[in-house]
């Protein structure tokens, strides 16, 4: 992180980041300008939520076909059904937490973890950052796990930056929030799902995607786990090149989410959906 007064905004000056941000904004403007969005935006929002949840679950190991996610109603079992259910609950919850996020990001993160865990597990670790010595169940992220003290300090620092406000473009802030949460894995489980939901909240709450029709989770899943992990390693390295590559990766994910929703708009326009 930069030591300037607005370290998030400073990241926008990294090589390639401005181009990525401009590309994201153009893509978002295109889908918002689609004629179907003017008449049926609620349908696009609902479909984007479903597809975003499917994509996020896929990155957490439950790579189900979209129609299977759409068809199923029971997600109470262990393993993949539980992961898909958690992703669906988080996506539904995200839009309810925008005002709270602006005042207390840490409170929102705690709520997201509680929602992901299902709220019915009598486990003191649910809904709070992990303490020293507590394990983390996040098998698909192989990075070194920071100590609890470091996690606490960095979460407080991130929350402080978000509350203070920043001139950083929304795609930059969203990517940093996403990357920090994946790097820290502050909770005992579901960190990937929570991180991607936090990214969604930033994109919506910033005004870039107020109708929630640009599901970055779709793009992250389409780019694949290997590319996701490699980009995250770049972010964790802290090098300008690595951080810029992660921001660009997240930007590309938003663009692919836009492409997905544009295809939904086209299908509705043809009367095929």
C-alpha atoms as a PDB file:
ATOM      1  CA  UNK A   1       0.000   0.000   0.000  1.00  0.00           C
ATOM      2  CA  UNK A   2       1.114   3.559  -0.687  1.00  0.00           C
ATOM      3  CA  UNK A   3       1.828   5.924   2.177  1.00  0.00           C
ATOM      4  CA  UNK A   4      -0.026   8.833   0.549  1.00  0.00           C
ATOM      5  CA  UNK A   5      -3.173  10.331   2.095  1.00  0.00           C
ATOM      6  CA  UNK A   6      -5.318   8.287  -0.290  1.00  0.00           C
ATOM      7  CA  UNK A   7      -3.484   5.014  -0.887  1.00  0.00           C
ATOM      8  CA  UNK A   8      -6.390   3.450  -2.760  1.00  0.00           C
ATOM      9  CA  UNK A   9      -6.457   6.303  -5.257  1.00  0.00           C
ATOM     10  CA  UNK A  10      -2.686   6.040  -5.650  1.00  0.00           C
ATOM     11  CA  UNK A  11      -3.134   2.501  -6.980  1.00  0.00           C
ATOM     12  CA  UNK A  12      -5.055   3.901  -9.940  1.00  0.00           C
ATOM     13  CA  UNK A  13      -1.776   5.338 -11.233  1.00  0.00           C
ATOM     14  CA  UNK A  14      -0.104   1.931 -11.500  1.00  0.00           C
ATOM     15  CA  UNK A  15       0.750   0.936 -15.074  1.00  0.00           C
ATOM     16  CA  UNK A  16      -2.235  -0.484 -16.897  1.00  0.00           C
ATOM     17  CA  UNK A  17      -4.777   0.206 -14.159  1.00  0.00           C
ATOM     18  CA  UNK A  18      -6.261   3.333 -15.764  1.00  0.00           C
ATOM     19  CA  UNK A  19      -6.804   1.442 -19.022  1.00  0.00           C
ATOM     20  CA  UNK A  20      -8.506  -1.388 -17.124  1.00  0.00           C
ATOM     21  CA  UNK A  21     -10.770   1.029 -15.277  1.00  0.00           C
ATOM     22  CA  UNK A  22     -11.732   2.792 -18.516  1.00  0.00           C
ATOM     23  CA  UNK A  23     -12.512  -0.528 -20.166  1.00  0.00           C
ATOM     24  CA  UNK A  24     -14.735  -1.546 -17.254  1.00  0.00           C
ATOM     25  CA  UNK A  25     -16.615   1.738 -17.329  1.00  0.00           C
ATOM     26  CA  UNK A  26     -17.240   1.485 -21.061  1.00  0.00           C
ATOM     27  CA  UNK A  27     -18.559  -2.054 -20.676  1.00  0.00           C
ATOM     28  CA  UNK A  28     -20.865  -1.081 -17.815  1.00  0.00           C
ATOM     29  CA  UNK A  29     -22.170   1.914 -19.771  1.00  0.00           C
ATOM     30  CA  UNK A  30     -23.000  -0.360 -22.703  1.00  0.00           C
ATOM     31  CA  UNK A  31     -25.122  -2.778 -20.719  1.00  0.00           C
ATOM     32  CA  UNK A  32     -26.897   0.033 -18.879  1.00  0.00           C
ATOM     33  CA  UNK A  33     -27.672   1.590 -22.241  1.00  0.00           C
ATOM     34  CA  UNK A  34     -29.277  -1.580 -23.590  1.00  0.00           C
ATOM     35  CA  UNK A  35     -32.919  -1.019 -24.492  1.00  0.00           C
ATOM     36  CA  UNK A  36     -34.026  -4.040 -22.421  1.00  0.00           C
ATOM     37  CA  UNK A  37     -32.516  -2.486 -19.294  1.00  0.00           C
ATOM     38  CA  UNK A  38     -34.956   0.390 -19.554  1.00  0.00           C
ATOM     39  CA  UNK A  39     -37.968  -1.911 -19.365  1.00  0.00           C
ATOM     40  CA  UNK A  40     -36.910  -5.118 -17.640  1.00  0.00           C
ATOM     41  CA  UNK A  41     -33.985  -4.258 -15.406  1.00  0.00           C
ATOM     42  CA  UNK A  42     -35.438  -6.178 -12.440  1.00  0.00           C
ATOM     43  CA  UNK A  43     -35.288  -9.385 -14.453  1.00  0.00           C
ATOM     44  CA  UNK A  44     -31.670  -8.702 -15.426  1.00  0.00           C
ATOM     45  CA  UNK A  45     -30.799  -8.044 -11.778  1.00  0.00           C
ATOM     46  CA  UNK A  46     -32.379 -11.310 -10.650  1.00  0.00           C
ATOM     47  CA  UNK A  47     -30.633 -13.303 -13.332  1.00  0.00           C
ATOM     48  CA  UNK A  48     -27.296 -11.631 -12.605  1.00  0.00           C
ATOM     49  CA  UNK A  49     -27.661 -12.525  -8.924  1.00  0.00           C
ATOM     50  CA  UNK A  50     -28.283 -16.180  -9.735  1.00  0.00           C
ATOM     51  CA  UNK A  51     -25.399 -16.376 -12.188  1.00  0.00           C
ATOM     52  CA  UNK A  52     -23.088 -14.504  -9.840  1.00  0.00           C
ATOM     53  CA  UNK A  53     -23.848 -16.914  -7.009  1.00  0.00           C
ATOM     54  CA  UNK A  54     -23.203 -19.864  -9.303  1.00  0.00           C
ATOM     55  CA  UNK A  55     -19.852 -18.402 -10.325  1.00  0.00           C
ATOM     56  CA  UNK A  56     -18.769 -17.697  -6.765  1.00  0.00           C
ATOM     57  CA  UNK A  57     -19.715 -21.205  -5.661  1.00  0.00           C
ATOM     58  CA  UNK A  58     -17.737 -22.645  -8.565  1.00  0.00           C
ATOM     59  CA  UNK A  59     -14.593 -20.888  -7.361  1.00  0.00           C
ATOM     60  CA  UNK A  60     -15.184 -22.405  -3.927  1.00  0.00           C
ATOM     61  CA  UNK A  61     -15.343 -25.919  -5.342  1.00  0.00           C
ATOM     62  CA  UNK A  62     -19.022 -26.355  -6.230  1.00  0.00           C
ATOM     63  CA  UNK A  63     -19.041 -25.954 -10.010  1.00  0.00           C
ATOM     64  CA  UNK A  64     -22.681 -26.666 -10.809  1.00  0.00           C
ATOM     65  CA  UNK A  65     -24.479 -26.020 -14.045  1.00  0.00           C
ATOM     66  CA  UNK A  66     -26.651 -22.916 -13.955  1.00  0.00           C
ATOM     67  CA  UNK A  67     -29.839 -24.900 -14.523  1.00  0.00           C
ATOM     68  CA  UNK A  68     -29.001 -27.164 -11.587  1.00  0.00           C
ATOM     69  CA  UNK A  69     -28.648 -24.132  -9.330  1.00  0.00           C
ATOM     70  CA  UNK A  70     -31.913 -22.759 -10.702  1.00  0.00           C
ATOM     71  CA  UNK A  71     -33.760 -26.063 -10.218  1.00  0.00           C
ATOM     72  CA  UNK A  72     -32.582 -27.012  -6.740  1.00  0.00           C
ATOM     73  CA  UNK A  73     -34.337 -25.864  -3.587  1.00  0.00           C
ATOM     74  CA  UNK A  74     -32.557 -27.912  -0.941  1.00  0.00           C
ATOM     75  CA  UNK A  75     -29.078 -26.682  -0.059  1.00  0.00           C
ATOM     76  CA  UNK A  76     -28.997 -27.919   3.513  1.00  0.00           C
ATOM     77  CA  UNK A  77     -26.578 -30.796   3.036  1.00  0.00           C
ATOM     78  CA  UNK A  78     -22.841 -30.753   3.506  1.00  0.00           C
ATOM     79  CA  UNK A  79     -20.247 -30.304   0.788  1.00  0.00           C
ATOM     80  CA  UNK A  80     -21.189 -28.748  -2.528  1.00  0.00           C
ATOM     81  CA  UNK A  81     -24.908 -28.134  -1.785  1.00  0.00           C
ATOM     82  CA  UNK A  82     -23.935 -26.174   1.315  1.00  0.00           C
ATOM     83  CA  UNK A  83     -21.454 -24.087  -0.691  1.00  0.00           C
ATOM     84  CA  UNK A  84     -24.021 -23.260  -3.364  1.00  0.00           C
ATOM     85  CA  UNK A  85     -26.590 -22.400  -0.709  1.00  0.00           C
ATOM     86  CA  UNK A  86     -24.125 -20.097   1.019  1.00  0.00           C
ATOM     87  CA  UNK A  87     -23.360 -18.308  -2.251  1.00  0.00           C
ATOM     88  CA  UNK A  88     -27.066 -17.796  -2.963  1.00  0.00           C
ATOM     89  CA  UNK A  89     -27.724 -16.447   0.519  1.00  0.00           C
ATOM     90  CA  UNK A  90     -24.798 -14.044   0.295  1.00  0.00           C
ATOM     91  CA  UNK A  91     -25.874 -12.678  -3.055  1.00  0.00           C
ATOM     92  CA  UNK A  92     -29.369 -12.068  -1.712  1.00  0.00           C
ATOM     93  CA  UNK A  93     -27.977 -10.377   1.402  1.00  0.00           C
ATOM     94  CA  UNK A  94     -25.529  -8.064  -0.375  1.00  0.00           C
ATOM     95  CA  UNK A  95     -28.095  -5.507  -1.456  1.00  0.00           C
ATOM     96  CA  UNK A  96     -29.428  -5.159   2.095  1.00  0.00           C
ATOM     97  CA  UNK A  97     -26.092  -4.092   3.540  1.00  0.00           C
ATOM     98  CA  UNK A  98     -25.054  -1.140   1.399  1.00  0.00           C
ATOM     99  CA  UNK A  99     -25.825   1.593   3.925  1.00  0.00           C
ATOM    100  CA  UNK A 100     -24.186  -0.318   6.752  1.00  0.00           C
ATOM    101  CA  UNK A 101     -21.073  -0.930   4.637  1.00  0.00           C
ATOM    102  CA  UNK A 102     -20.432   2.806   4.334  1.00  0.00           C
ATOM    103  CA  UNK A 103     -20.408   3.159   8.116  1.00  0.00           C
ATOM    104  CA  UNK A 104     -19.008  -0.155   9.337  1.00  0.00           C
ATOM    105  CA  UNK A 105     -17.422  -2.527   6.797  1.00  0.00           C
ATOM    106  CA  UNK A 106     -16.283  -4.866   9.583  1.00  0.00           C
ATOM    107  CA  UNK A 107     -19.840  -5.256  10.815  1.00  0.00           C
ATOM    108  CA  UNK A 108     -20.936  -6.163   7.303  1.00  0.00           C
ATOM    109  CA  UNK A 109     -18.143  -8.710   6.915  1.00  0.00           C
ATOM    110  CA  UNK A 110     -19.169 -10.345  10.192  1.00  0.00           C
ATOM    111  CA  UNK A 111     -22.758 -10.469   8.957  1.00  0.00           C
ATOM    112  CA  UNK A 112     -21.712 -11.971   5.639  1.00  0.00           C
ATOM    113  CA  UNK A 113     -19.820 -14.741   7.389  1.00  0.00           C
ATOM    114  CA  UNK A 114     -22.817 -15.464   9.590  1.00  0.00           C
ATOM    115  CA  UNK A 115     -25.045 -15.657   6.514  1.00  0.00           C
ATOM    116  CA  UNK A 116     -22.567 -17.888   4.673  1.00  0.00           C
ATOM    117  CA  UNK A 117     -22.365 -20.264   7.629  1.00  0.00           C
ATOM    118  CA  UNK A 118     -26.137 -20.533   7.680  1.00  0.00           C
ATOM    119  CA  UNK A 119     -26.715 -18.919  11.061  1.00  0.00           C
ATOM    120  CA  UNK A 120     -27.639 -22.238  12.645  1.00  0.00           C
ATOM    121  CA  UNK A 121     -24.207 -23.487  13.659  1.00  0.00           C
ATOM    122  CA  UNK A 122     -23.513 -23.137  17.419  1.00  0.00           C
ATOM    123  CA  UNK A 123     -19.902 -22.192  16.785  1.00  0.00           C
ATOM    124  CA  UNK A 124     -18.322 -19.213  18.531  1.00  0.00           C
ATOM    125  CA  UNK A 125     -16.063 -18.687  15.509  1.00  0.00           C
ATOM    126  CA  UNK A 126     -18.959 -17.809  13.203  1.00  0.00           C
ATOM    127  CA  UNK A 127     -19.373 -14.105  12.524  1.00  0.00           C
ATOM    128  CA  UNK A 128     -16.065 -12.920  13.919  1.00  0.00           C
ATOM    129  CA  UNK A 129     -12.421 -12.842  12.765  1.00  0.00           C
ATOM    130  CA  UNK A 130     -10.357 -15.804  13.839  1.00  0.00           C
ATOM    131  CA  UNK A 131      -8.226 -15.776  16.957  1.00  0.00           C
ATOM    132  CA  UNK A 132      -4.651 -16.985  17.336  1.00  0.00           C
ATOM    133  CA  UNK A 133      -4.358 -20.711  16.716  1.00  0.00           C
ATOM    134  CA  UNK A 134      -7.781 -21.149  15.157  1.00  0.00           C
ATOM    135  CA  UNK A 135      -7.788 -23.104  11.879  1.00  0.00           C
ATOM    136  CA  UNK A 136      -9.081 -21.929   8.515  1.00  0.00           C
ATOM    137  CA  UNK A 137     -10.972 -24.200   6.143  1.00  0.00           C
ATOM    138  CA  UNK A 138     -10.191 -22.675   2.743  1.00  0.00           C
ATOM    139  CA  UNK A 139      -8.520 -25.503   0.789  1.00  0.00           C
ATOM    140  CA  UNK A 140      -8.593 -23.832  -2.615  1.00  0.00           C
ATOM    141  CA  UNK A 141      -6.401 -20.925  -1.503  1.00  0.00           C
ATOM    142  CA  UNK A 142      -2.892 -22.197  -0.883  1.00  0.00           C
ATOM    143  CA  UNK A 143      -1.198 -18.989   0.234  1.00  0.00           C
ATOM    144  CA  UNK A 144       0.548 -18.661   3.552  1.00  0.00           C
ATOM    145  CA  UNK A 145      -1.937 -17.809   6.283  1.00  0.00           C
ATOM    146  CA  UNK A 146      -1.282 -14.536   8.143  1.00  0.00           C
ATOM    147  CA  UNK A 147      -1.307 -14.570  11.939  1.00  0.00           C
ATOM    148  CA  UNK A 148      -4.440 -13.388  13.721  1.00  0.00           C
ATOM    149  CA  UNK A 149      -2.777 -10.186  14.970  1.00  0.00           C
ATOM    150  CA  UNK A 150      -1.818  -9.201  11.438  1.00  0.00           C
ATOM    151  CA  UNK A 151      -5.324 -10.007  10.231  1.00  0.00           C
ATOM    152  CA  UNK A 152      -6.864  -7.764  12.873  1.00  0.00           C
ATOM    153  CA  UNK A 153      -4.561  -4.852  12.096  1.00  0.00           C
ATOM    154  CA  UNK A 154      -5.025  -5.042   8.342  1.00  0.00           C
ATOM    155  CA  UNK A 155      -8.809  -5.366   8.628  1.00  0.00           C
ATOM    156  CA  UNK A 156      -8.931  -2.271  10.808  1.00  0.00           C
ATOM    157  CA  UNK A 157      -6.721  -0.429   8.339  1.00  0.00           C
ATOM    158  CA  UNK A 158      -8.868  -1.423   5.381  1.00  0.00           C
ATOM    159  CA  UNK A 159     -12.054  -0.437   7.196  1.00  0.00           C
ATOM    160  CA  UNK A 160     -10.532   2.915   8.069  1.00  0.00           C
ATOM    161  CA  UNK A 161      -9.702   3.629   4.435  1.00  0.00           C
ATOM    162  CA  UNK A 162     -13.206   2.714   3.322  1.00  0.00           C
ATOM    163  CA  UNK A 163     -14.931   4.806   5.978  1.00  0.00           C
ATOM    164  CA  UNK A 164     -12.692   7.796   5.312  1.00  0.00           C
ATOM    165  CA  UNK A 165     -13.603   7.671   1.638  1.00  0.00           C
ATOM    166  CA  UNK A 166     -11.376   7.638  -1.391  1.00  0.00           C
ATOM    167  CA  UNK A 167     -11.106   9.123  -4.844  1.00  0.00           C
ATOM    168  CA  UNK A 168     -10.142   5.702  -6.164  1.00  0.00           C
ATOM    169  CA  UNK A 169     -12.251   4.359  -9.036  1.00  0.00           C
ATOM    170  CA  UNK A 170     -14.751   1.718  -7.936  1.00  0.00           C
ATOM    171  CA  UNK A 171     -13.004  -1.167  -9.769  1.00  0.00           C
ATOM    172  CA  UNK A 172      -9.782  -0.400  -7.873  1.00  0.00           C
ATOM    173  CA  UNK A 173     -11.459  -0.274  -4.458  1.00  0.00           C
ATOM    174  CA  UNK A 174     -13.453  -3.419  -5.177  1.00  0.00           C
ATOM    175  CA  UNK A 175     -10.328  -5.310  -6.256  1.00  0.00           C
ATOM    176  CA  UNK A 176      -8.401  -4.246  -3.141  1.00  0.00           C
ATOM    177  CA  UNK A 177     -11.225  -5.265  -0.807  1.00  0.00           C
ATOM    178  CA  UNK A 178     -11.501  -8.606  -2.590  1.00  0.00           C
ATOM    179  CA  UNK A 179      -7.739  -9.185  -2.567  1.00  0.00           C
ATOM    180  CA  UNK A 180      -7.245  -8.218   1.073  1.00  0.00           C
ATOM    181  CA  UNK A 181      -9.970 -10.562   2.275  1.00  0.00           C
ATOM    182  CA  UNK A 182      -8.596 -13.459   0.247  1.00  0.00           C
ATOM    183  CA  UNK A 183      -5.068 -12.763   1.425  1.00  0.00           C
ATOM    184  CA  UNK A 184      -6.071 -12.493   5.088  1.00  0.00           C
ATOM    185  CA  UNK A 185      -8.781 -15.178   5.227  1.00  0.00           C
ATOM    186  CA  UNK A 186     -10.071 -13.602   8.426  1.00  0.00           C
ATOM    187  CA  UNK A 187     -12.757 -16.183   9.110  1.00  0.00           C
ATOM    188  CA  UNK A 188     -12.582 -19.874   9.818  1.00  0.00           C
ATOM    189  CA  UNK A 189     -14.445 -20.702   6.592  1.00  0.00           C
ATOM    190  CA  UNK A 190     -16.212 -19.239   3.542  1.00  0.00           C
ATOM    191  CA  UNK A 191     -13.601 -16.509   3.032  1.00  0.00           C
ATOM    192  CA  UNK A 192     -13.696 -16.738  -0.758  1.00  0.00           C
ATOM    193  CA  UNK A 193     -17.477 -16.403  -0.839  1.00  0.00           C
ATOM    194  CA  UNK A 194     -17.358 -13.465   1.571  1.00  0.00           C
ATOM    195  CA  UNK A 195     -14.571 -11.733  -0.378  1.00  0.00           C
ATOM    196  CA  UNK A 196     -16.444 -11.952  -3.672  1.00  0.00           C
ATOM    197  CA  UNK A 197     -19.633 -10.688  -2.038  1.00  0.00           C
ATOM    198  CA  UNK A 198     -17.717  -7.736  -0.585  1.00  0.00           C
ATOM    199  CA  UNK A 199     -16.445  -6.963  -4.082  1.00  0.00           C
ATOM    200  CA  UNK A 200     -20.067  -7.010  -5.284  1.00  0.00           C
ATOM    201  CA  UNK A 201     -21.099  -4.612  -2.488  1.00  0.00           C
ATOM    202  CA  UNK A 202     -18.374  -2.121  -3.429  1.00  0.00           C
ATOM    203  CA  UNK A 203     -19.305  -2.194  -7.110  1.00  0.00           C
ATOM    204  CA  UNK A 204     -22.983  -1.654  -6.347  1.00  0.00           C
ATOM    205  CA  UNK A 205     -22.575   0.863  -3.532  1.00  0.00           C
ATOM    206  CA  UNK A 206     -20.072   2.965  -5.459  1.00  0.00           C
ATOM    207  CA  UNK A 207     -22.665   3.740  -8.095  1.00  0.00           C
ATOM    208  CA  UNK A 208     -20.779   1.932 -10.847  1.00  0.00           C
ATOM    209  CA  UNK A 209     -23.361  -0.874 -10.909  1.00  0.00           C
ATOM    210  CA  UNK A 210     -26.367   0.383  -8.905  1.00  0.00           C
ATOM    211  CA  UNK A 211     -28.752  -2.202 -10.355  1.00  0.00           C
ATOM    212  CA  UNK A 212     -26.352  -5.103  -9.681  1.00  0.00           C
ATOM    213  CA  UNK A 213     -26.300  -6.335 -13.264  1.00  0.00           C
ATOM    214  CA  UNK A 214     -22.522  -6.735 -13.670  1.00  0.00           C
ATOM    215  CA  UNK A 215     -21.704  -9.948 -11.763  1.00  0.00           C
ATOM    216  CA  UNK A 216     -17.926 -10.064 -11.419  1.00  0.00           C
ATOM    217  CA  UNK A 217     -18.250 -13.554  -9.930  1.00  0.00           C
ATOM    218  CA  UNK A 218     -19.304 -14.831 -13.347  1.00  0.00           C
ATOM    219  CA  UNK A 219     -16.116 -13.447 -14.849  1.00  0.00           C
ATOM    220  CA  UNK A 220     -13.888 -14.797 -12.092  1.00  0.00           C
ATOM    221  CA  UNK A 221     -15.310 -18.253 -12.664  1.00  0.00           C
ATOM    222  CA  UNK A 222     -14.950 -17.960 -16.432  1.00  0.00           C
ATOM    223  CA  UNK A 223     -11.304 -16.899 -16.129  1.00  0.00           C
ATOM    224  CA  UNK A 224     -10.741 -20.005 -14.009  1.00  0.00           C
ATOM    225  CA  UNK A 225      -9.273 -20.952 -10.657  1.00  0.00           C
ATOM    226  CA  UNK A 226      -5.696 -21.106 -11.881  1.00  0.00           C
ATOM    227  CA  UNK A 227      -5.761 -17.569 -13.236  1.00  0.00           C
ATOM    228  CA  UNK A 228      -7.565 -16.418 -10.091  1.00  0.00           C
ATOM    229  CA  UNK A 229      -4.912 -17.945  -7.846  1.00  0.00           C
ATOM    230  CA  UNK A 230      -2.054 -16.600  -9.957  1.00  0.00           C
ATOM    231  CA  UNK A 231      -3.470 -13.073  -9.930  1.00  0.00           C
ATOM    232  CA  UNK A 232      -4.005 -13.275  -6.178  1.00  0.00           C
ATOM    233  CA  UNK A 233      -0.380 -14.288  -5.680  1.00  0.00           C
ATOM    234  CA  UNK A 234       0.577 -11.128  -7.528  1.00  0.00           C
ATOM    235  CA  UNK A 235      -1.543  -9.043  -5.193  1.00  0.00           C
ATOM    236  CA  UNK A 236      -0.111 -10.690  -2.102  1.00  0.00           C
ATOM    237  CA  UNK A 237       3.427 -10.083  -3.382  1.00  0.00           C
ATOM    238  CA  UNK A 238       2.789  -6.367  -2.914  1.00  0.00           C
ATOM    239  CA  UNK A 239       4.794  -5.428  -5.995  1.00  0.00           C
ATOM    240  CA  UNK A 240       3.357  -2.700  -8.229  1.00  0.00           C
ATOM    241  CA  UNK A 241       3.217  -5.169 -11.109  1.00  0.00           C
ATOM    242  CA  UNK A 242       1.474  -7.807  -9.019  1.00  0.00           C
ATOM    243  CA  UNK A 243      -1.098  -5.442  -7.557  1.00  0.00           C
ATOM    244  CA  UNK A 244      -1.802  -3.909 -10.978  1.00  0.00           C
ATOM    245  CA  UNK A 245      -2.260  -7.378 -12.482  1.00  0.00           C
ATOM    246  CA  UNK A 246      -4.771  -8.305  -9.767  1.00  0.00           C
ATOM    247  CA  UNK A 247      -6.750  -5.092 -10.319  1.00  0.00           C
ATOM    248  CA  UNK A 248      -6.769  -5.738 -14.071  1.00  0.00           C
ATOM    249  CA  UNK A 249      -7.851  -9.345 -13.474  1.00  0.00           C
ATOM    250  CA  UNK A 250     -10.780  -8.171 -11.353  1.00  0.00           C
ATOM    251  CA  UNK A 251     -11.651  -5.578 -13.982  1.00  0.00           C
ATOM    252  CA  UNK A 252     -11.718  -8.227 -16.669  1.00  0.00           C
ATOM    253  CA  UNK A 253     -14.021 -10.300 -14.456  1.00  0.00           C
ATOM    254  CA  UNK A 254     -16.475  -7.395 -14.292  1.00  0.00           C
ATOM    255  CA  UNK A 255     -16.356  -7.060 -18.075  1.00  0.00           C
ATOM    256  CA  UNK A 256     -17.162 -10.744 -18.491  1.00  0.00           C
ATOM    257  CA  UNK A 257     -20.028 -10.347 -16.030  1.00  0.00           C
ATOM    258  CA  UNK A 258     -21.284  -7.492 -18.188  1.00  0.00           C
ATOM    259  CA  UNK A 259     -21.064  -9.719 -21.240  1.00  0.00           C
ATOM    260  CA  UNK A 260     -23.177 -12.332 -19.469  1.00  0.00           C
ATOM    261  CA  UNK A 261     -25.892  -9.832 -18.605  1.00  0.00           C
ATOM    262  CA  UNK A 262     -25.790  -8.388 -22.111  1.00  0.00           C
ATOM    263  CA  UNK A 263     -26.478 -11.887 -23.429  1.00  0.00           C
ATOM    264  CA  UNK A 264     -29.448 -12.127 -21.053  1.00  0.00           C
ATOM    265  CA  UNK A 265     -30.708  -8.779 -22.379  1.00  0.00           C
ATOM    266  CA  UNK A 266     -30.402 -10.046 -25.950  1.00  0.00           C
ATOM    267  CA  UNK A 267     -32.253 -13.243 -25.088  1.00  0.00           C
ATOM    268  CA  UNK A 268     -35.083 -11.298 -23.465  1.00  0.00           C
ATOM    269  CA  UNK A 269     -35.237  -9.009 -26.483  1.00  0.00           C
ATOM    270  CA  UNK A 270     -35.648 -12.039 -28.735  1.00  0.00           C
ATOM    271  CA  UNK A 271     -38.293 -13.485 -26.409  1.00  0.00           C
ATOM    272  CA  UNK A 272     -36.092 -16.519 -25.699  1.00  0.00           C
ATOM    273  CA  UNK A 273     -35.881 -16.060 -21.929  1.00  0.00           C
END
